[in-house]
C-alpha atoms as a PDB file:
ATOM      1  CA  UNK A   1       0.000   0.000   0.000  1.00  0.00           C
ATOM      2  CA  UNK A   2       1.152   3.473  -0.720  1.00  0.00           C
ATOM      3  CA  UNK A   3       1.389   6.256   1.803  1.00  0.00           C
ATOM      4  CA  UNK A   4      -1.497   8.131   0.197  1.00  0.00           C
ATOM      5  CA  UNK A   5      -3.819   5.126   0.374  1.00  0.00           C
ATOM      6  CA  UNK A   6      -2.925   4.606   4.044  1.00  0.00           C
ATOM      7  CA  UNK A   7      -3.574   8.279   4.743  1.00  0.00           C
ATOM      8  CA  UNK A   8      -6.914   8.104   2.928  1.00  0.00           C
ATOM      9  CA  UNK A   9      -7.912   5.041   4.929  1.00  0.00           C
ATOM     10  CA  UNK A  10      -6.927   6.751   8.190  1.00  0.00           C
ATOM     11  CA  UNK A  11      -8.935   9.867   7.309  1.00  0.00           C
ATOM     12  CA  UNK A  12     -11.966   7.785   6.380  1.00  0.00           C
ATOM     13  CA  UNK A  13     -11.704   5.924   9.682  1.00  0.00           C
ATOM     14  CA  UNK A  14     -11.466   9.164  11.658  1.00  0.00           C
ATOM     15  CA  UNK A  15     -14.454  10.612   9.819  1.00  0.00           C
ATOM     16  CA  UNK A  16     -16.489   7.521  10.660  1.00  0.00           C
ATOM     17  CA  UNK A  17     -15.524   7.747  14.312  1.00  0.00           C
ATOM     18  CA  UNK A  18     -16.388  11.451  14.412  1.00  0.00           C
ATOM     19  CA  UNK A  19     -19.772  10.849  12.793  1.00  0.00           C
ATOM     20  CA  UNK A  20     -20.559   8.094  15.295  1.00  0.00           C
ATOM     21  CA  UNK A  21     -19.470  10.272  18.233  1.00  0.00           C
ATOM     22  CA  UNK A  22     -21.698  13.113  17.004  1.00  0.00           C
ATOM     23  CA  UNK A  23     -24.684  10.777  16.627  1.00  0.00           C
ATOM     24  CA  UNK A  24     -24.137   9.439  20.133  1.00  0.00           C
ATOM     25  CA  UNK A  25     -23.928  12.960  21.554  1.00  0.00           C
ATOM     26  CA  UNK A  26     -27.134  13.969  19.769  1.00  0.00           C
ATOM     27  CA  UNK A  27     -28.968  10.901  21.075  1.00  0.00           C
ATOM     28  CA  UNK A  28     -27.779  11.602  24.615  1.00  0.00           C
ATOM     29  CA  UNK A  29     -28.895  15.239  24.385  1.00  0.00           C
ATOM     30  CA  UNK A  30     -32.310  14.198  23.085  1.00  0.00           C
ATOM     31  CA  UNK A  31     -32.645  11.644  25.868  1.00  0.00           C
ATOM     32  CA  UNK A  32     -31.750  14.251  28.495  1.00  0.00           C
ATOM     33  CA  UNK A  33     -34.352  16.657  27.086  1.00  0.00           C
ATOM     34  CA  UNK A  34     -37.044  13.977  27.141  1.00  0.00           C
ATOM     35  CA  UNK A  35     -36.109  13.056  30.721  1.00  0.00           C
ATOM     36  CA  UNK A  36     -36.327  16.707  31.742  1.00  0.00           C
ATOM     37  CA  UNK A  37     -39.821  16.954  30.226  1.00  0.00           C
ATOM     38  CA  UNK A  38     -40.959  13.799  32.021  1.00  0.00           C
ATOM     39  CA  UNK A  39     -39.534  15.083  35.311  1.00  0.00           C
ATOM     40  CA  UNK A  40     -41.266  18.445  34.816  1.00  0.00           C
ATOM     41  CA  UNK A  41     -44.613  16.788  34.087  1.00  0.00           C
ATOM     42  CA  UNK A  42     -44.239  14.444  37.050  1.00  0.00           C
ATOM     43  CA  UNK A  43     -43.543  17.400  39.319  1.00  0.00           C
ATOM     44  CA  UNK A  44     -46.508  19.327  37.921  1.00  0.00           C
ATOM     45  CA  UNK A  45     -48.843  16.393  38.524  1.00  0.00           C
ATOM     46  CA  UNK A  46     -47.508  15.985  42.054  1.00  0.00           C
ATOM     47  CA  UNK A  47     -48.021  19.680  42.789  1.00  0.00           C
ATOM     48  CA  UNK A  48     -51.529  19.636  41.353  1.00  0.00           C
ATOM     49  CA  UNK A  49     -52.444  16.579  43.426  1.00  0.00           C
ATOM     50  CA  UNK A  50     -51.054  18.216  46.580  1.00  0.00           C
ATOM     51  CA  UNK A  51     -53.004  21.427  45.984  1.00  0.00           C
ATOM     52  CA  UNK A  52     -56.264  19.682  45.132  1.00  0.00           C
ATOM     53  CA  UNK A  53     -58.294  18.831  48.177  1.00  0.00           C
ATOM     54  CA  UNK A  54     -61.704  17.345  48.597  1.00  0.00           C
ATOM     55  CA  UNK A  55     -64.581  19.801  48.876  1.00  0.00           C
ATOM     56  CA  UNK A  56     -65.681  20.671  52.407  1.00  0.00           C
ATOM     57  CA  UNK A  57     -67.768  17.948  53.962  1.00  0.00           C
ATOM     58  CA  UNK A  58     -66.630  15.127  51.706  1.00  0.00           C
ATOM     59  CA  UNK A  59     -64.204  12.288  52.013  1.00  0.00           C
ATOM     60  CA  UNK A  60     -63.478  12.344  55.732  1.00  0.00           C
ATOM     61  CA  UNK A  61     -66.205  10.123  57.232  1.00  0.00           C
ATOM     62  CA  UNK A  62     -69.069   7.959  56.074  1.00  0.00           C
ATOM     63  CA  UNK A  63     -72.482   9.243  57.187  1.00  0.00           C
ATOM     64  CA  UNK A  64     -74.326   6.230  58.587  1.00  0.00           C
ATOM     65  CA  UNK A  65     -77.164   8.185  60.188  1.00  0.00           C
ATOM     66  CA  UNK A  66     -79.366   8.131  57.085  1.00  0.00           C
END
């Protein structure tokens, strides 16, 4: 093999590695964004459930006098 063919092969290999590293980084960033959205929604649901209370006179005791 000539020096130029070895250099071309090395460059092609490096380009492939770079492309794979960029794809991995993009997938990780997308995953982190999705996780952040899920965490935000989970927190919002938890806050809404904590703020919501039963109307006055309901849910504490069963009225058996009727």
